[in-house]
Amino acid sequence: MRNKTGDKDPEFVIDLRSPYYLDPSDVPGTIMTTIHFDGKNFHMWENAVIMALRVKNKISFIDGTITKPDMKKGGNSAQLSVGSSSTR
């Protein structure tokens, strides 16, 4: 991203490890696990879903450990959407 003078903005960094980062493969309808929940296999299905979320670094959205970005400390809304399929 460039600043008003056309130079690269040194504060704009794509953090691939951020849970807010959306890879182009992170789209609605993506199959996270091949284990289908049938009402009897909850623990097996739960373990598979948790593992899939950990691999994609999204488990913090489910377990409640995610923190809201602090927009006053240099964060901006563009950082939250960087890497999404709609911005590429």
C-alpha atoms as a PDB file:
ATOM      1  CA  MET A   1       0.000   0.000   0.000  1.00  0.00           C
ATOM      2  CA  ARG A   2       1.270   3.469  -0.780  1.00  0.00           C
ATOM      3  CA  ASN A   3       0.961   6.658   1.248  1.00  0.00           C
ATOM      4  CA  LYS A   4      -0.089  10.078  -0.090  1.00  0.00           C
ATOM      5  CA  THR A   5       3.372  10.783  -1.513  1.00  0.00           C
ATOM      6  CA  GLY A   6       3.441   7.506  -3.450  1.00  0.00           C
ATOM      7  CA  ASP A   7       6.035   5.847  -1.228  1.00  0.00           C
ATOM      8  CA  LYS A   8       5.430   2.461   0.330  1.00  0.00           C
ATOM      9  CA  ASP A   9       3.791   2.762   3.749  1.00  0.00           C
ATOM     10  CA  PRO A  10       6.250   1.209   6.235  1.00  0.00           C
ATOM     11  CA  GLU A  11       3.451   0.588   8.786  1.00  0.00           C
ATOM     12  CA  PHE A  12       1.321  -1.486   6.419  1.00  0.00           C
ATOM     13  CA  VAL A  13       2.312  -5.108   6.925  1.00  0.00           C
ATOM     14  CA  ILE A  14       0.436  -8.270   5.974  1.00  0.00           C
ATOM     15  CA  ASP A  15       0.755 -10.616   8.917  1.00  0.00           C
ATOM     16  CA  LEU A  16       0.061 -14.111   7.603  1.00  0.00           C
ATOM     17  CA  ARG A  17      -0.008 -15.408  11.190  1.00  0.00           C
ATOM     18  CA  SER A  18      -2.827 -13.075  12.233  1.00  0.00           C
ATOM     19  CA  PRO A  19      -6.170 -14.763  12.878  1.00  0.00           C
ATOM     20  CA  TYR A  20      -7.711 -11.864  10.931  1.00  0.00           C
ATOM     21  CA  TYR A  21      -5.795 -12.824   7.787  1.00  0.00           C
ATOM     22  CA  LEU A  22      -8.071 -14.388   5.192  1.00  0.00           C
ATOM     23  CA  ASP A  23      -6.449 -16.670   2.678  1.00  0.00           C
ATOM     24  CA  PRO A  24      -8.138 -16.975  -0.723  1.00  0.00           C
ATOM     25  CA  SER A  25      -9.088 -20.530   0.303  1.00  0.00           C
ATOM     26  CA  ASP A  26     -11.063 -19.218   3.315  1.00  0.00           C
ATOM     27  CA  VAL A  27     -14.444 -18.970   1.625  1.00  0.00           C
ATOM     28  CA  PRO A  28     -17.972 -19.876   2.701  1.00  0.00           C
ATOM     29  CA  GLY A  29     -18.826 -23.443   1.840  1.00  0.00           C
ATOM     30  CA  THR A  30     -15.294 -24.779   2.219  1.00  0.00           C
ATOM     31  CA  ILE A  31     -15.309 -28.290   3.648  1.00  0.00           C
ATOM     32  CA  MET A  32     -13.273 -28.169   6.862  1.00  0.00           C
ATOM     33  CA  THR A  33     -13.454 -31.872   7.648  1.00  0.00           C
ATOM     34  CA  THR A  34     -14.662 -35.025   5.953  1.00  0.00           C
ATOM     35  CA  ILE A  35     -16.305 -36.207   9.175  1.00  0.00           C
ATOM     36  CA  HIS A  36     -20.033 -35.528   9.015  1.00  0.00           C
ATOM     37  CA  PHE A  37     -21.870 -34.920  12.273  1.00  0.00           C
ATOM     38  CA  ASP A  38     -24.657 -37.490  12.496  1.00  0.00           C
ATOM     39  CA  GLY A  39     -25.762 -36.900  16.089  1.00  0.00           C
ATOM     40  CA  LYS A  40     -23.782 -39.846  17.442  1.00  0.00           C
ATOM     41  CA  ASN A  41     -20.176 -38.940  16.654  1.00  0.00           C
ATOM     42  CA  PHE A  42     -19.967 -35.543  18.334  1.00  0.00           C
ATOM     43  CA  HIS A  43     -16.539 -36.001  19.941  1.00  0.00           C
ATOM     44  CA  MET A  44     -14.897 -37.252  16.736  1.00  0.00           C
ATOM     45  CA  TRP A  45     -16.503 -34.420  14.721  1.00  0.00           C
ATOM     46  CA  GLU A  46     -15.610 -31.831  17.387  1.00  0.00           C
ATOM     47  CA  ASN A  47     -11.953 -32.916  17.413  1.00  0.00           C
ATOM     48  CA  ALA A  48     -11.778 -32.729  13.612  1.00  0.00           C
ATOM     49  CA  VAL A  49     -13.322 -29.233  13.521  1.00  0.00           C
ATOM     50  CA  ILE A  50     -11.042 -27.957  16.300  1.00  0.00           C
ATOM     51  CA  MET A  51      -7.997 -29.317  14.485  1.00  0.00           C
ATOM     52  CA  ALA A  52      -9.085 -27.691  11.206  1.00  0.00           C
ATOM     53  CA  LEU A  53      -9.612 -24.338  12.942  1.00  0.00           C
ATOM     54  CA  ARG A  54      -6.212 -24.549  14.637  1.00  0.00           C
ATOM     55  CA  VAL A  55      -4.486 -25.279  11.336  1.00  0.00           C
ATOM     56  CA  LYS A  56      -6.119 -22.198   9.779  1.00  0.00           C
ATOM     57  CA  ASN A  57      -5.359 -20.130  12.917  1.00  0.00           C
ATOM     58  CA  LYS A  58      -9.069 -19.417  13.501  1.00  0.00           C
ATOM     59  CA  ILE A  59      -9.671 -21.304  16.776  1.00  0.00           C
ATOM     60  CA  SER A  60      -9.502 -18.066  18.787  1.00  0.00           C
ATOM     61  CA  PHE A  61     -12.810 -16.968  17.231  1.00  0.00           C
ATOM     62  CA  ILE A  62     -14.474 -20.056  18.715  1.00  0.00           C
ATOM     63  CA  ASP A  63     -12.775 -20.324  22.108  1.00  0.00           C
ATOM     64  CA  GLY A  64     -13.171 -16.610  22.868  1.00  0.00           C
ATOM     65  CA  THR A  65      -9.476 -15.728  23.094  1.00  0.00           C
ATOM     66  CA  ILE A  66      -9.460 -13.343  20.100  1.00  0.00           C
ATOM     67  CA  THR A  67      -8.988  -9.687  20.955  1.00  0.00           C
ATOM     68  CA  LYS A  68     -10.396  -6.747  19.095  1.00  0.00           C
ATOM     69  CA  PRO A  69      -7.681  -4.807  17.193  1.00  0.00           C
ATOM     70  CA  ASP A  70      -6.814  -1.486  18.825  1.00  0.00           C
ATOM     71  CA  MET A  71      -7.450   1.099  16.122  1.00  0.00           C
ATOM     72  CA  LYS A  72      -5.834   3.805  18.284  1.00  0.00           C
ATOM     73  CA  LYS A  73      -2.454   2.020  18.319  1.00  0.00           C
ATOM     74  CA  GLY A  74      -1.750   2.119  14.611  1.00  0.00           C
ATOM     75  CA  GLY A  75      -4.264  -0.510  13.514  1.00  0.00           C
ATOM     76  CA  ASN A  76      -6.585   0.235  10.654  1.00  0.00           C
ATOM     77  CA  SER A  77      -9.551  -1.430   9.016  1.00  0.00           C
ATOM     78  CA  ALA A  78      -7.528  -2.142   5.856  1.00  0.00           C
ATOM     79  CA  GLN A  79      -5.350  -4.539   7.837  1.00  0.00           C
ATOM     80  CA  LEU A  80      -8.413  -6.625   8.671  1.00  0.00           C
ATOM     81  CA  SER A  81      -9.331  -7.135   5.030  1.00  0.00           C
ATOM     82  CA  VAL A  82      -5.860  -7.639   3.536  1.00  0.00           C
ATOM     83  CA  GLY A  83      -5.526 -11.029   1.908  1.00  0.00           C
ATOM     84  CA  SER A  84      -9.230 -11.630   1.465  1.00  0.00           C
ATOM     85  CA  SER A  85     -10.277 -12.908  -1.926  1.00  0.00           C
ATOM     86  CA  SER A  86     -12.263  -9.724  -2.537  1.00  0.00           C
ATOM     87  CA  THR A  87      -9.134  -7.538  -2.314  1.00  0.00           C
ATOM     88  CA  ARG A  88      -6.907  -9.539  -4.628  1.00  0.00           C
END
